Amino acid sequence: IAAFSPKYLSREDVPAEVVESERRVAEETSRNEGKPEAALPKIVEGRVNGFFKEVTLLDQPFAKDNKKSVKKVLDEAGVTLKRFVRIKVGI
């Protein structure tokens, strides 16, 4: 839990209204950037996936091997994470 400050354990834990809001912002941003209409669904999906990598612990890149997600490393070790606590020390 070093790279980002995740708020949720997994994608399933992110409230639907938060995901929908992020999806709307991603779509609006893409339109404002002049992206082609045909490409919008893939662009929006990519941005939402990026959002999940920031806010969910299991989707974060693993600190020692950023080519793997935390979930992938846990799966390889046969470990299931049910919850987490992040403690911030100092400012």
PDB file of N, CA and C in Angstrom:
ATOM      1  N   ILE A   1       0.854  -1.169   0.000  1.00  0.00           N
ATOM      2  CA  ILE A   1       0.000   0.000   0.000  1.00  0.00           C
ATOM      3  C   ILE A   1       0.900   1.231   0.000  1.00  0.00           C
ATOM      4  N   ALA A   2       1.956   1.138  -0.779  1.00  0.00           N
ATOM      5  CA  ALA A   2       2.941   2.208  -0.790  1.00  0.00           C
ATOM      6  C   ALA A   2       2.794   3.139  -1.986  1.00  0.00           C
ATOM      7  N   ALA A   3       2.432   2.607  -3.130  1.00  0.00           N
ATOM      8  CA  ALA A   3       2.420   3.405  -4.351  1.00  0.00           C
ATOM      9  C   ALA A   3       1.304   4.444  -4.373  1.00  0.00           C
ATOM     10  N   PHE A   4       0.114   4.035  -4.049  1.00  0.00           N
ATOM     11  CA  PHE A   4      -1.042   4.931  -4.058  1.00  0.00           C
ATOM     12  C   PHE A   4      -1.710   4.880  -2.691  1.00  0.00           C
ATOM     13  N   SER A   5      -2.778   5.593  -2.547  1.00  0.00           N
ATOM     14  CA  SER A   5      -3.575   5.547  -1.314  1.00  0.00           C
ATOM     15  C   SER A   5      -4.932   4.959  -1.656  1.00  0.00           C
ATOM     16  N   PRO A   6      -5.024   3.640  -1.753  1.00  0.00           N
ATOM     17  CA  PRO A   6      -6.291   3.034  -2.176  1.00  0.00           C
ATOM     18  C   PRO A   6      -7.403   3.270  -1.160  1.00  0.00           C
ATOM     19  N   LYS A   7      -8.601   3.462  -1.676  1.00  0.00           N
ATOM     20  CA  LYS A   7      -9.765   3.647  -0.815  1.00  0.00           C
ATOM     21  C   LYS A   7     -10.557   2.355  -0.693  1.00  0.00           C
ATOM     22  N   TYR A   8     -10.387   1.466  -1.665  1.00  0.00           N
ATOM     23  CA  TYR A   8     -11.185   0.243  -1.725  1.00  0.00           C
ATOM     24  C   TYR A   8     -10.274  -0.955  -1.942  1.00  0.00           C
ATOM     25  N   LEU A   9     -10.749  -2.122  -1.546  1.00  0.00           N
ATOM     26  CA  LEU A   9      -9.983  -3.348  -1.745  1.00  0.00           C
ATOM     27  C   LEU A   9     -10.025  -3.788  -3.205  1.00  0.00           C
ATOM     28  N   SER A  10     -11.237  -3.873  -3.771  1.00  0.00           N
ATOM     29  CA  SER A  10     -11.383  -4.366  -5.144  1.00  0.00           C
ATOM     30  C   SER A  10     -12.379  -3.512  -5.915  1.00  0.00           C
ATOM     31  N   ARG A  11     -12.476  -3.766  -7.203  1.00  0.00           N
ATOM     32  CA  ARG A  11     -13.426  -3.045  -8.056  1.00  0.00           C
ATOM     33  C   ARG A  11     -14.853  -3.205  -7.552  1.00  0.00           C
ATOM     34  N   GLU A  12     -15.156  -4.384  -7.048  1.00  0.00           N
ATOM     35  CA  GLU A  12     -16.506  -4.669  -6.568  1.00  0.00           C
ATOM     36  C   GLU A  12     -16.869  -3.819  -5.355  1.00  0.00           C
ATOM     37  N   ASP A  13     -15.883  -3.328  -4.641  1.00  0.00           N
ATOM     38  CA  ASP A  13     -16.124  -2.517  -3.448  1.00  0.00           C
ATOM     39  C   ASP A  13     -16.370  -1.042  -3.765  1.00  0.00           C
ATOM     40  N   VAL A  14     -16.059  -0.620  -4.981  1.00  0.00           N
ATOM     41  CA  VAL A  14     -16.268   0.776  -5.369  1.00  0.00           C
ATOM     42  C   VAL A  14     -17.763   0.974  -5.633  1.00  0.00           C
ATOM     43  N   PRO A  15     -18.385   1.936  -4.957  1.00  0.00           N
ATOM     44  CA  PRO A  15     -19.819   2.163  -5.168  1.00  0.00           C
ATOM     45  C   PRO A  15     -20.132   2.478  -6.636  1.00  0.00           C
ATOM     46  N   ALA A  16     -21.255   1.965  -7.108  1.00  0.00           N
ATOM     47  CA  ALA A  16     -21.656   2.139  -8.506  1.00  0.00           C
ATOM     48  C   ALA A  16     -21.728   3.608  -8.894  1.00  0.00           C
ATOM     49  N   GLU A  17     -22.192   4.454  -7.979  1.00  0.00           N
ATOM     50  CA  GLU A  17     -22.310   5.879  -8.318  1.00  0.00           C
ATOM     51  C   GLU A  17     -20.938   6.526  -8.506  1.00  0.00           C
ATOM     52  N   VAL A  18     -19.925   6.045  -7.801  1.00  0.00           N
ATOM     53  CA  VAL A  18     -18.564   6.561  -7.969  1.00  0.00           C
ATOM     54  C   VAL A  18     -18.028   6.151  -9.338  1.00  0.00           C
ATOM     55  N   VAL A  19     -18.247   4.901  -9.715  1.00  0.00           N
ATOM     56  CA  VAL A  19     -17.792   4.409 -11.022  1.00  0.00           C
ATOM     57  C   VAL A  19     -18.508   5.163 -12.139  1.00  0.00           C
ATOM     58  N   GLU A  20     -19.810   5.350 -12.005  1.00  0.00           N
ATOM     59  CA  GLU A  20     -20.583   6.051 -13.030  1.00  0.00           C
ATOM     60  C   GLU A  20     -20.131   7.502 -13.160  1.00  0.00           C
ATOM     61  N   SER A  21     -19.849   8.138 -12.048  1.00  0.00           N
ATOM     62  CA  SER A  21     -19.352   9.512 -12.075  1.00  0.00           C
ATOM     63  C   SER A  21     -18.005   9.581 -12.789  1.00  0.00           C
ATOM     64  N   GLU A  22     -17.130   8.651 -12.481  1.00  0.00           N
ATOM     65  CA  GLU A  22     -15.814   8.607 -13.134  1.00  0.00           C
ATOM     66  C   GLU A  22     -15.967   8.357 -14.634  1.00  0.00           C
ATOM     67  N   ARG A  23     -16.902   7.488 -14.991  1.00  0.00           N
ATOM     68  CA  ARG A  23     -17.169   7.189 -16.399  1.00  0.00           C
ATOM     69  C   ARG A  23     -17.655   8.453 -17.137  1.00  0.00           C
ATOM     70  N   ARG A  24     -18.549   9.216 -16.502  1.00  0.00           N
ATOM     71  CA  ARG A  24     -19.058  10.457 -17.113  1.00  0.00           C
ATOM     72  C   ARG A  24     -17.935  11.468 -17.308  1.00  0.00           C
ATOM     73  N   VAL A  25     -17.090  11.621 -16.287  1.00  0.00           N
ATOM     74  CA  VAL A  25     -15.965  12.555 -16.375  1.00  0.00           C
ATOM     75  C   VAL A  25     -15.017  12.135 -17.496  1.00  0.00           C
ATOM     76  N   ALA A  26     -14.719  10.847 -17.584  1.00  0.00           N
ATOM     77  CA  ALA A  26     -13.817  10.340 -18.627  1.00  0.00           C
ATOM     78  C   ALA A  26     -14.400  10.588 -20.013  1.00  0.00           C
ATOM     79  N   GLU A  27     -15.699  10.373 -20.158  1.00  0.00           N
ATOM     80  CA  GLU A  27     -16.340  10.593 -21.460  1.00  0.00           C
ATOM     81  C   GLU A  27     -16.337  12.075 -21.825  1.00  0.00           C
ATOM     82  N   GLU A  28     -16.675  12.923 -20.870  1.00  0.00           N
ATOM     83  CA  GLU A  28     -16.699  14.365 -21.123  1.00  0.00           C
ATOM     84  C   GLU A  28     -15.307  14.877 -21.477  1.00  0.00           C
ATOM     85  N   THR A  29     -14.307  14.422 -20.735  1.00  0.00           N
ATOM     86  CA  THR A  29     -12.926  14.827 -21.001  1.00  0.00           C
ATOM     87  C   THR A  29     -12.498  14.394 -22.398  1.00  0.00           C
ATOM     88  N   SER A  30     -12.832  13.168 -22.769  1.00  0.00           N
ATOM     89  CA  SER A  30     -12.464  12.651 -24.090  1.00  0.00           C
ATOM     90  C   SER A  30     -13.135  13.451 -25.195  1.00  0.00           C
ATOM     91  N   ARG A  31     -14.404  13.783 -25.008  1.00  0.00           N
ATOM     92  CA  ARG A  31     -15.121  14.599 -26.004  1.00  0.00           C
ATOM     93  C   ARG A  31     -14.476  15.983 -26.124  1.00  0.00           C
ATOM     94  N   ASN A  32     -14.142  16.589 -24.977  1.00  0.00           N
ATOM     95  CA  ASN A  32     -13.524  17.919 -24.986  1.00  0.00           C
ATOM     96  C   ASN A  32     -12.150  17.903 -25.642  1.00  0.00           C
ATOM     97  N   GLU A  33     -11.484  16.761 -25.600  1.00  0.00           N
ATOM     98  CA  GLU A  33     -10.172  16.631 -26.243  1.00  0.00           C
ATOM     99  C   GLU A  33     -10.305  16.366 -27.735  1.00  0.00           C
ATOM    100  N   GLY A  34     -11.552  16.227 -28.210  1.00  0.00           N
ATOM    101  CA  GLY A  34     -11.787  16.018 -29.635  1.00  0.00           C
ATOM    102  C   GLY A  34     -11.551  14.595 -30.102  1.00  0.00           C
ATOM    103  N   LYS A  35     -11.638  13.637 -29.210  1.00  0.00           N
ATOM    104  CA  LYS A  35     -11.453  12.231 -29.595  1.00  0.00           C
ATOM    105  C   LYS A  35     -12.605  11.795 -30.499  1.00  0.00           C
ATOM    106  N   PRO A  36     -12.346  10.909 -31.454  1.00  0.00           N
ATOM    107  CA  PRO A  36     -13.401  10.442 -32.363  1.00  0.00           C
ATOM    108  C   PRO A  36     -14.492   9.676 -31.610  1.00  0.00           C
ATOM    109  N   GLU A  37     -15.742   9.904 -31.997  1.00  0.00           N
ATOM    110  CA  GLU A  37     -16.893   9.248 -31.354  1.00  0.00           C
ATOM    111  C   GLU A  37     -16.743   7.731 -31.340  1.00  0.00           C
ATOM    112  N   ALA A  38     -16.260   7.171 -32.433  1.00  0.00           N
ATOM    113  CA  ALA A  38     -16.142   5.713 -32.540  1.00  0.00           C
ATOM    114  C   ALA A  38     -15.156   5.147 -31.516  1.00  0.00           C
ATOM    115  N   ALA A  39     -14.181   5.947 -31.129  1.00  0.00           N
ATOM    116  CA  ALA A  39     -13.154   5.477 -30.201  1.00  0.00           C
ATOM    117  C   ALA A  39     -13.516   5.734 -28.736  1.00  0.00           C
ATOM    118  N   LEU A  40     -14.556   6.519 -28.495  1.00  0.00           N
ATOM    119  CA  LEU A  40     -14.899   6.900 -27.119  1.00  0.00           C
ATOM    120  C   LEU A  40     -15.086   5.728 -26.158  1.00  0.00           C
ATOM    121  N   PRO A  41     -15.832   4.683 -26.522  1.00  0.00           N
ATOM    122  CA  PRO A  41     -16.020   3.590 -25.550  1.00  0.00           C
ATOM    123  C   PRO A  41     -14.707   2.981 -25.051  1.00  0.00           C
ATOM    124  N   LYS A  42     -13.762   2.753 -25.954  1.00  0.00           N
ATOM    125  CA  LYS A  42     -12.480   2.160 -25.546  1.00  0.00           C
ATOM    126  C   LYS A  42     -11.647   3.141 -24.723  1.00  0.00           C
ATOM    127  N   ILE A  43     -11.683   4.403 -25.106  1.00  0.00           N
ATOM    128  CA  ILE A  43     -10.931   5.419 -24.371  1.00  0.00           C
ATOM    129  C   ILE A  43     -11.483   5.557 -22.959  1.00  0.00           C
ATOM    130  N   VAL A  44     -12.805   5.636 -22.859  1.00  0.00           N
ATOM    131  CA  VAL A  44     -13.448   5.763 -21.548  1.00  0.00           C
ATOM    132  C   VAL A  44     -13.131   4.546 -20.687  1.00  0.00           C
ATOM    133  N   GLU A  45     -13.214   3.360 -21.271  1.00  0.00           N
ATOM    134  CA  GLU A  45     -12.919   2.134 -20.518  1.00  0.00           C
ATOM    135  C   GLU A  45     -11.477   2.145 -20.014  1.00  0.00           C
ATOM    136  N   GLY A  46     -10.551   2.606 -20.844  1.00  0.00           N
ATOM    137  CA  GLY A  46      -9.153   2.700 -20.433  1.00  0.00           C
ATOM    138  C   GLY A  46      -8.955   3.664 -19.275  1.00  0.00           C
ATOM    139  N   ARG A  47      -9.654   4.786 -19.330  1.00  0.00           N
ATOM    140  CA  ARG A  47      -9.537   5.771 -18.248  1.00  0.00           C
ATOM    141  C   ARG A  47     -10.167   5.256 -16.958  1.00  0.00           C
ATOM    142  N   VAL A  48     -11.274   4.549 -17.073  1.00  0.00           N
ATOM    143  CA  VAL A  48     -11.915   3.976 -15.886  1.00  0.00           C
ATOM    144  C   VAL A  48     -11.013   2.896 -15.284  1.00  0.00           C
ATOM    145  N   ASN A  49     -10.365   2.101 -16.126  1.00  0.00           N
ATOM    146  CA  ASN A  49      -9.417   1.098 -15.620  1.00  0.00           C
ATOM    147  C   ASN A  49      -8.262   1.772 -14.884  1.00  0.00           C
ATOM    148  N   GLY A  50      -7.789   2.900 -15.412  1.00  0.00           N
ATOM    149  CA  GLY A  50      -6.743   3.662 -14.734  1.00  0.00           C
ATOM    150  C   GLY A  50      -7.205   4.162 -13.372  1.00  0.00           C
ATOM    151  N   PHE A  51      -8.458   4.590 -13.314  1.00  0.00           N
ATOM    152  CA  PHE A  51      -9.058   5.020 -12.051  1.00  0.00           C
ATOM    153  C   PHE A  51      -9.039   3.870 -11.044  1.00  0.00           C
ATOM    154  N   PHE A  52      -9.433   2.672 -11.495  1.00  0.00           N
ATOM    155  CA  PHE A  52      -9.434   1.508 -10.603  1.00  0.00           C
ATOM    156  C   PHE A  52      -8.029   1.205 -10.088  1.00  0.00           C
ATOM    157  N   LYS A  53      -7.010   1.386 -10.923  1.00  0.00           N
ATOM    158  CA  LYS A  53      -5.631   1.125 -10.495  1.00  0.00           C
ATOM    159  C   LYS A  53      -5.199   2.083  -9.392  1.00  0.00           C
ATOM    160  N   GLU A  54      -5.803   3.265  -9.360  1.00  0.00           N
ATOM    161  CA  GLU A  54      -5.464   4.241  -8.329  1.00  0.00           C
ATOM    162  C   GLU A  54      -6.228   4.024  -7.032  1.00  0.00           C
ATOM    163  N   VAL A  55      -7.494   3.624  -7.130  1.00  0.00           N
ATOM    164  CA  VAL A  55      -8.341   3.597  -5.931  1.00  0.00           C
ATOM    165  C   VAL A  55      -8.582   2.212  -5.344  1.00  0.00           C
ATOM    166  N   THR A  56      -8.157   1.142  -6.028  1.00  0.00           N
ATOM    167  CA  THR A  56      -8.348  -0.203  -5.475  1.00  0.00           C
ATOM    168  C   THR A  56      -6.998  -0.867  -5.229  1.00  0.00           C
ATOM    169  N   LEU A  57      -6.844  -1.438  -4.069  1.00  0.00           N
ATOM    170  CA  LEU A  57      -5.578  -2.071  -3.699  1.00  0.00           C
ATOM    171  C   LEU A  57      -5.224  -3.222  -4.634  1.00  0.00           C
ATOM    172  N   LEU A  58      -6.186  -4.073  -4.947  1.00  0.00           N
ATOM    173  CA  LEU A  58      -5.882  -5.261  -5.752  1.00  0.00           C
ATOM    174  C   LEU A  58      -5.479  -4.932  -7.186  1.00  0.00           C
ATOM    175  N   ASP A  59      -5.900  -3.780  -7.700  1.00  0.00           N
ATOM    176  CA  ASP A  59      -5.534  -3.388  -9.064  1.00  0.00           C
ATOM    177  C   ASP A  59      -4.242  -2.586  -9.130  1.00  0.00           C
ATOM    178  N   GLN A  60      -3.711  -2.199  -7.973  1.00  0.00           N
ATOM    179  CA  GLN A  60      -2.469  -1.427  -7.958  1.00  0.00           C
ATOM    180  C   GLN A  60      -1.309  -2.250  -8.495  1.00  0.00           C
ATOM    181  N   PRO A  61      -0.347  -1.582  -9.132  1.00  0.00           N
ATOM    182  CA  PRO A  61       0.877  -2.297  -9.499  1.00  0.00           C
ATOM    183  C   PRO A  61       1.620  -2.710  -8.225  1.00  0.00           C
ATOM    184  N   PHE A  62       2.170  -3.922  -8.228  1.00  0.00           N
ATOM    185  CA  PHE A  62       2.939  -4.416  -7.088  1.00  0.00           C
ATOM    186  C   PHE A  62       4.244  -3.627  -7.014  1.00  0.00           C
ATOM    187  N   ALA A  63       4.604  -3.142  -5.838  1.00  0.00           N
ATOM    188  CA  ALA A  63       5.751  -2.248  -5.670  1.00  0.00           C
ATOM    189  C   ALA A  63       7.071  -2.863  -6.134  1.00  0.00           C
ATOM    190  N   LYS A  64       7.270  -4.159  -5.928  1.00  0.00           N
ATOM    191  CA  LYS A  64       8.540  -4.794  -6.290  1.00  0.00           C
ATOM    192  C   LYS A  64       8.582  -5.258  -7.743  1.00  0.00           C
ATOM    193  N   ASP A  65       7.440  -5.309  -8.401  1.00  0.00           N
ATOM    194  CA  ASP A  65       7.368  -5.716  -9.807  1.00  0.00           C
ATOM    195  C   ASP A  65       6.127  -5.068 -10.408  1.00  0.00           C
ATOM    196  N   ASN A  66       6.298  -3.849 -10.933  1.00  0.00           N
ATOM    197  CA  ASN A  66       5.133  -3.094 -11.390  1.00  0.00           C
ATOM    198  C   ASN A  66       4.465  -3.658 -12.642  1.00  0.00           C
ATOM    199  N   LYS A  67       4.997  -4.753 -13.168  1.00  0.00           N
ATOM    200  CA  LYS A  67       4.332  -5.417 -14.295  1.00  0.00           C
ATOM    201  C   LYS A  67       3.212  -6.330 -13.800  1.00  0.00           C
ATOM    202  N   LYS A  68       3.186  -6.571 -12.491  1.00  0.00           N
ATOM    203  CA  LYS A  68       2.148  -7.413 -11.887  1.00  0.00           C
ATOM    204  C   LYS A  68       1.282  -6.556 -10.973  1.00  0.00           C
ATOM    205  N   SER A  69       0.015  -6.917 -10.897  1.00  0.00           N
ATOM    206  CA  SER A  69      -0.866  -6.242  -9.944  1.00  0.00           C
ATOM    207  C   SER A  69      -0.731  -6.923  -8.583  1.00  0.00           C
ATOM    208  N   VAL A  70      -1.196  -6.248  -7.555  1.00  0.00           N
ATOM    209  CA  VAL A  70      -1.198  -6.831  -6.215  1.00  0.00           C
ATOM    210  C   VAL A  70      -2.014  -8.118  -6.237  1.00  0.00           C
ATOM    211  N   LYS A  71      -3.141  -8.116  -6.942  1.00  0.00           N
ATOM    212  CA  LYS A  71      -3.992  -9.312  -7.033  1.00  0.00           C
ATOM    213  C   LYS A  71      -3.233 -10.483  -7.641  1.00  0.00           C
ATOM    214  N   LYS A  72      -2.484 -10.232  -8.701  1.00  0.00           N
ATOM    215  CA  LYS A  72      -1.726 -11.295  -9.368  1.00  0.00           C
ATOM    216  C   LYS A  72      -0.696 -11.899  -8.410  1.00  0.00           C
ATOM    217  N   VAL A  73      -0.001 -11.055  -7.672  1.00  0.00           N
ATOM    218  CA  VAL A  73       1.011 -11.539  -6.724  1.00  0.00           C
ATOM    219  C   VAL A  73       0.350 -12.364  -5.623  1.00  0.00           C
ATOM    220  N   LEU A  74      -0.777 -11.888  -5.113  1.00  0.00           N
ATOM    221  CA  LEU A  74      -1.488 -12.634  -4.071  1.00  0.00           C
ATOM    222  C   LEU A  74      -1.998 -13.969  -4.600  1.00  0.00           C
ATOM    223  N   ASP A  75      -2.535 -13.971  -5.829  1.00  0.00           N
ATOM    224  CA  ASP A  75      -3.012 -15.219  -6.437  1.00  0.00           C
ATOM    225  C   ASP A  75      -1.875 -16.225  -6.579  1.00  0.00           C
ATOM    226  N   GLU A  76      -0.710 -15.748  -7.028  1.00  0.00           N
ATOM    227  CA  GLU A  76       0.447 -16.630  -7.195  1.00  0.00           C
ATOM    228  C   GLU A  76       0.899 -17.219  -5.858  1.00  0.00           C
ATOM    229  N   ALA A  77       0.705 -16.465  -4.777  1.00  0.00           N
ATOM    230  CA  ALA A  77       1.099 -16.934  -3.445  1.00  0.00           C
ATOM    231  C   ALA A  77      -0.006 -17.747  -2.778  1.00  0.00           C
ATOM    232  N   GLY A  78      -1.165 -17.820  -3.423  1.00  0.00           N
ATOM    233  CA  GLY A  78      -2.284 -18.559  -2.848  1.00  0.00           C
ATOM    234  C   GLY A  78      -2.914 -17.858  -1.655  1.00  0.00           C
ATOM    235  N   VAL A  79      -2.838 -16.547  -1.661  1.00  0.00           N
ATOM    236  CA  VAL A  79      -3.345 -15.748  -0.545  1.00  0.00           C
ATOM    237  C   VAL A  79      -4.578 -14.967  -0.992  1.00  0.00           C
ATOM    238  N   THR A  80      -5.569 -14.900  -0.102  1.00  0.00           N
ATOM    239  CA  THR A  80      -6.759 -14.097  -0.363  1.00  0.00           C
ATOM    240  C   THR A  80      -6.800 -12.963   0.643  1.00  0.00           C
ATOM    241  N   LEU A  81      -6.910 -11.752   0.153  1.00  0.00           N
ATOM    242  CA  LEU A  81      -6.983 -10.579   1.010  1.00  0.00           C
ATOM    243  C   LEU A  81      -8.447 -10.196   1.182  1.00  0.00           C
ATOM    244  N   LYS A  82      -8.887 -10.089   2.404  1.00  0.00           N
ATOM    245  CA  LYS A  82     -10.298  -9.792   2.680  1.00  0.00           C
ATOM    246  C   LYS A  82     -10.519  -8.327   3.026  1.00  0.00           C
ATOM    247  N   ARG A  83      -9.517  -7.688   3.624  1.00  0.00           N
ATOM    248  CA  ARG A  83      -9.613  -6.275   3.964  1.00  0.00           C
ATOM    249  C   ARG A  83      -8.214  -5.740   4.224  1.00  0.00           C
ATOM    250  N   PHE A  84      -8.112  -4.428   4.342  1.00  0.00           N
ATOM    251  CA  PHE A  84      -6.822  -3.815   4.627  1.00  0.00           C
ATOM    252  C   PHE A  84      -7.045  -2.530   5.409  1.00  0.00           C
ATOM    253  N   VAL A  85      -5.988  -2.095   6.054  1.00  0.00           N
ATOM    254  CA  VAL A  85      -5.989  -0.828   6.770  1.00  0.00           C
ATOM    255  C   VAL A  85      -4.731  -0.097   6.344  1.00  0.00           C
ATOM    256  N   ARG A  86      -4.872   1.161   6.007  1.00  0.00           N
ATOM    257  CA  ARG A  86      -3.721   1.975   5.644  1.00  0.00           C
ATOM    258  C   ARG A  86      -3.526   3.011   6.734  1.00  0.00           C
ATOM    259  N   ILE A  87      -2.339   3.037   7.303  1.00  0.00           N
ATOM    260  CA  ILE A  87      -2.029   3.989   8.363  1.00  0.00           C
ATOM    261  C   ILE A  87      -1.012   4.981   7.817  1.00  0.00           C
ATOM    262  N   LYS A  88      -1.343   6.242   7.909  1.00  0.00           N
ATOM    263  CA  LYS A  88      -0.452   7.289   7.425  1.00  0.00           C
ATOM    264  C   LYS A  88       0.225   7.933   8.628  1.00  0.00           C
ATOM    265  N   VAL A  89       1.539   7.951   8.608  1.00  0.00           N
ATOM    266  CA  VAL A  89       2.311   8.524   9.702  1.00  0.00           C
ATOM    267  C   VAL A  89       2.871   9.861   9.240  1.00  0.00           C
ATOM    268  N   GLY A  90       2.728  10.872  10.041  1.00  0.00           N
ATOM    269  CA  GLY A  90       3.234  12.192   9.687  1.00  0.00           C
ATOM    270  C   GLY A  90       2.276  12.931   8.775  1.00  0.00           C
ATOM    271  N   ILE A  91       2.808  13.919   8.091  1.00  0.00           N
ATOM    272  CA  ILE A  91       1.969  14.771   7.242  1.00  0.00           C
ATOM    273  C   ILE A  91       1.819  14.205   5.862  1.00  0.00           C
TER     274      ILE A  91
END
